[in-house]
Amino acid sequence: MFSKEESRKLREEFWIAFGKSFPNKWTLYKTKVKGLSFKFHFDLKMAMVSIDVDSDFEQRIKVWDQLAALKSILEDEYLPEAVYEDFFILDNQKDISRVYVELKGVSIHNKNTWRETMEFFNKSMLQIEAFYEEYKDIIDT
């Protein structure tokens, strides 16, 4: 068990190490599409890279429909293991739509899994960004 402070320090150490190991300028929140963002998540049980659609209901449906229309392309050419969830409940009980890939069996508290997680993050986010760059005109319509 780790104290909150020890856990916070490990998280900080991981993200600093990740930034140094893979110094990319990730698109993340700068998609220029309202309510569309790319995210990294790493906790005690898994790591995840996601495309989140979190906006007003009308915009969310519009963006989600575009992502759903591109599902076969995303899975065939970029992320075969992508999971589409049109209703995903966050820890704070907020409802969003999400496309994600995850890596199970890793923990931010276990430094022995950090390299594997960093490589997963790098590979997955590069694929998401390549997909977005190719199809952003369709997603943004």
Protein backbone atom coordinates (compact mmCIF):
# COMPACT_ATOMS: atom_id res chain seq x y z
CA MET A 1 0.00 0.00 0.00
CA PHE A 2 1.16 3.49 -0.79
CA SER A 3 0.19 6.68 1.00
CA LYS A 4 -1.55 9.38 -1.03
CA GLU A 5 1.69 11.33 -1.11
CA GLU A 6 3.73 8.32 -2.26
CA SER A 7 1.13 7.57 -4.93
CA ARG A 8 1.15 11.19 -6.10
CA LYS A 9 4.94 11.15 -6.35
CA LEU A 10 4.93 7.90 -8.34
CA ARG A 11 2.35 9.33 -10.74
CA GLU A 12 4.38 12.49 -11.16
CA GLU A 13 7.55 10.47 -11.68
CA PHE A 14 5.86 8.30 -14.31
CA TRP A 15 4.52 11.24 -16.35
CA ILE A 16 7.87 13.05 -16.20
CA ALA A 17 9.67 9.88 -17.33
CA PHE A 18 7.12 9.37 -20.11
CA GLY A 19 7.58 12.95 -21.33
CA LYS A 20 11.34 12.54 -21.37
CA SER A 21 11.24 9.14 -23.08
CA PHE A 22 8.67 10.15 -25.71
CA PRO A 23 8.95 13.94 -26.13
CA ASN A 24 6.15 14.31 -28.67
CA LYS A 25 3.80 17.26 -28.91
CA TRP A 26 0.58 15.30 -28.53
CA THR A 27 -2.65 16.71 -29.97
CA LEU A 28 -4.62 15.74 -26.83
CA TYR A 29 -7.08 18.57 -26.16
CA LYS A 30 -6.12 20.61 -29.22
CA THR A 31 -8.24 18.77 -31.78
CA LYS A 32 -10.12 21.99 -32.64
CA VAL A 33 -13.34 19.95 -32.59
CA LYS A 34 -15.70 21.00 -29.81
CA GLY A 35 -15.88 18.30 -27.16
CA LEU A 36 -13.35 15.96 -28.81
CA SER A 37 -10.13 15.16 -26.97
CA PHE A 38 -7.50 12.46 -26.78
CA LYS A 39 -6.45 11.22 -23.36
CA PHE A 40 -3.96 9.04 -21.54
CA HIS A 41 -5.03 7.21 -18.40
CA PHE A 42 -2.90 5.01 -16.13
CA ASP A 43 -4.02 3.63 -12.79
CA LEU A 44 -3.47 0.61 -10.54
CA LYS A 45 -4.89 -1.98 -12.97
CA MET A 46 -4.56 -0.73 -16.54
CA ALA A 47 -3.52 1.93 -19.00
CA MET A 48 -5.81 3.49 -21.59
CA VAL A 49 -5.56 5.81 -24.57
CA SER A 50 -8.89 7.24 -25.62
CA ILE A 51 -10.80 9.50 -27.94
CA ASP A 52 -13.39 11.18 -25.72
CA VAL A 53 -16.49 12.93 -26.95
CA ASP A 54 -17.72 15.16 -24.16
CA SER A 55 -19.87 18.08 -25.21
CA ASP A 56 -23.50 19.14 -25.32
CA PHE A 57 -25.79 16.34 -26.40
CA GLU A 58 -26.37 17.55 -29.96
CA GLN A 59 -22.65 18.06 -30.67
CA ARG A 60 -21.80 14.76 -28.99
CA ILE A 61 -24.21 12.85 -31.25
CA LYS A 62 -22.84 14.61 -34.33
CA VAL A 63 -19.20 13.83 -33.53
CA TRP A 64 -19.99 10.30 -32.34
CA ASP A 65 -21.87 9.53 -35.57
CA GLN A 66 -18.81 10.57 -37.56
CA LEU A 67 -16.51 8.38 -35.44
CA ALA A 68 -18.93 5.47 -35.74
CA ALA A 69 -18.99 5.88 -39.53
CA LEU A 70 -15.19 5.57 -39.52
CA LYS A 71 -15.11 2.56 -37.17
CA SER A 72 -14.06 -0.03 -39.74
CA ILE A 73 -11.24 2.22 -40.97
CA LEU A 74 -9.98 2.88 -37.44
CA GLU A 75 -10.05 -0.83 -36.62
CA ASP A 76 -8.67 -2.07 -39.96
CA GLU A 77 -5.88 0.47 -40.45
CA TYR A 78 -4.99 1.94 -37.05
CA LEU A 79 -6.26 0.24 -33.88
CA PRO A 80 -7.72 -3.24 -34.40
CA GLU A 81 -8.42 -3.59 -30.68
CA ALA A 82 -10.39 -0.31 -30.40
CA VAL A 83 -13.49 -0.43 -28.21
CA TYR A 84 -16.41 1.87 -29.04
CA GLU A 85 -18.71 2.89 -26.19
CA ASP A 86 -21.37 5.45 -27.04
CA PHE A 87 -22.33 5.69 -23.33
CA PHE A 88 -19.30 5.57 -21.03
CA ILE A 89 -19.68 6.57 -17.37
CA LEU A 90 -16.70 8.37 -15.84
CA ASP A 91 -15.75 8.05 -12.16
CA ASN A 92 -17.54 11.35 -11.49
CA GLN A 93 -20.72 9.81 -13.00
CA LYS A 94 -20.55 12.01 -16.10
CA ASP A 95 -21.72 10.32 -19.28
CA ILE A 96 -19.49 10.63 -22.36
CA SER A 97 -18.81 8.69 -25.55
CA ARG A 98 -15.42 7.04 -25.87
CA VAL A 99 -13.27 5.04 -28.25
CA TYR A 100 -10.35 3.46 -26.46
CA VAL A 101 -7.62 0.87 -26.35
CA GLU A 102 -6.34 -0.50 -23.09
CA LEU A 103 -3.44 -2.39 -21.66
CA LYS A 104 -4.35 -4.57 -18.68
CA GLY A 105 -2.05 -6.00 -16.05
CA VAL A 106 0.01 -2.86 -15.53
CA SER A 107 0.08 -0.53 -12.55
CA ILE A 108 1.33 2.99 -12.07
CA HIS A 109 2.62 1.78 -8.68
CA ASN A 110 4.76 -0.93 -10.32
CA LYS A 111 7.80 0.59 -12.03
CA ASN A 112 8.45 -2.76 -13.73
CA THR A 113 5.39 -2.08 -15.94
CA TRP A 114 6.24 1.51 -16.80
CA ARG A 115 8.30 0.84 -19.96
CA GLU A 116 5.58 -1.41 -21.41
CA THR A 117 2.98 1.25 -20.61
CA MET A 118 5.03 4.06 -22.12
CA GLU A 119 5.48 2.09 -25.33
CA PHE A 120 1.76 1.30 -25.40
CA PHE A 121 0.91 4.99 -24.90
CA ASN A 122 3.31 6.10 -27.59
CA LYS A 123 2.20 3.55 -30.18
CA SER A 124 -1.52 3.95 -29.50
CA MET A 125 -1.53 7.75 -29.43
CA LEU A 126 0.52 7.92 -32.62
CA GLN A 127 -2.11 5.71 -34.28
CA ILE A 128 -4.99 7.82 -32.95
CA GLU A 129 -3.31 11.02 -34.11
CA ALA A 130 -2.55 9.54 -37.55
CA PHE A 131 -6.19 8.49 -37.87
CA TYR A 132 -7.36 11.93 -36.76
CA GLU A 133 -5.04 13.75 -39.17
CA GLU A 134 -6.31 11.64 -42.06
CA TYR A 135 -10.01 11.98 -41.22
CA LYS A 136 -10.33 15.22 -39.23
CA ASP A 137 -12.23 16.92 -42.07
CA ILE A 138 -14.92 14.24 -41.83
CA ILE A 139 -15.03 14.29 -38.01
CA ASP A 140 -15.26 18.09 -37.92
CA THR A 141 -18.24 18.35 -40.28
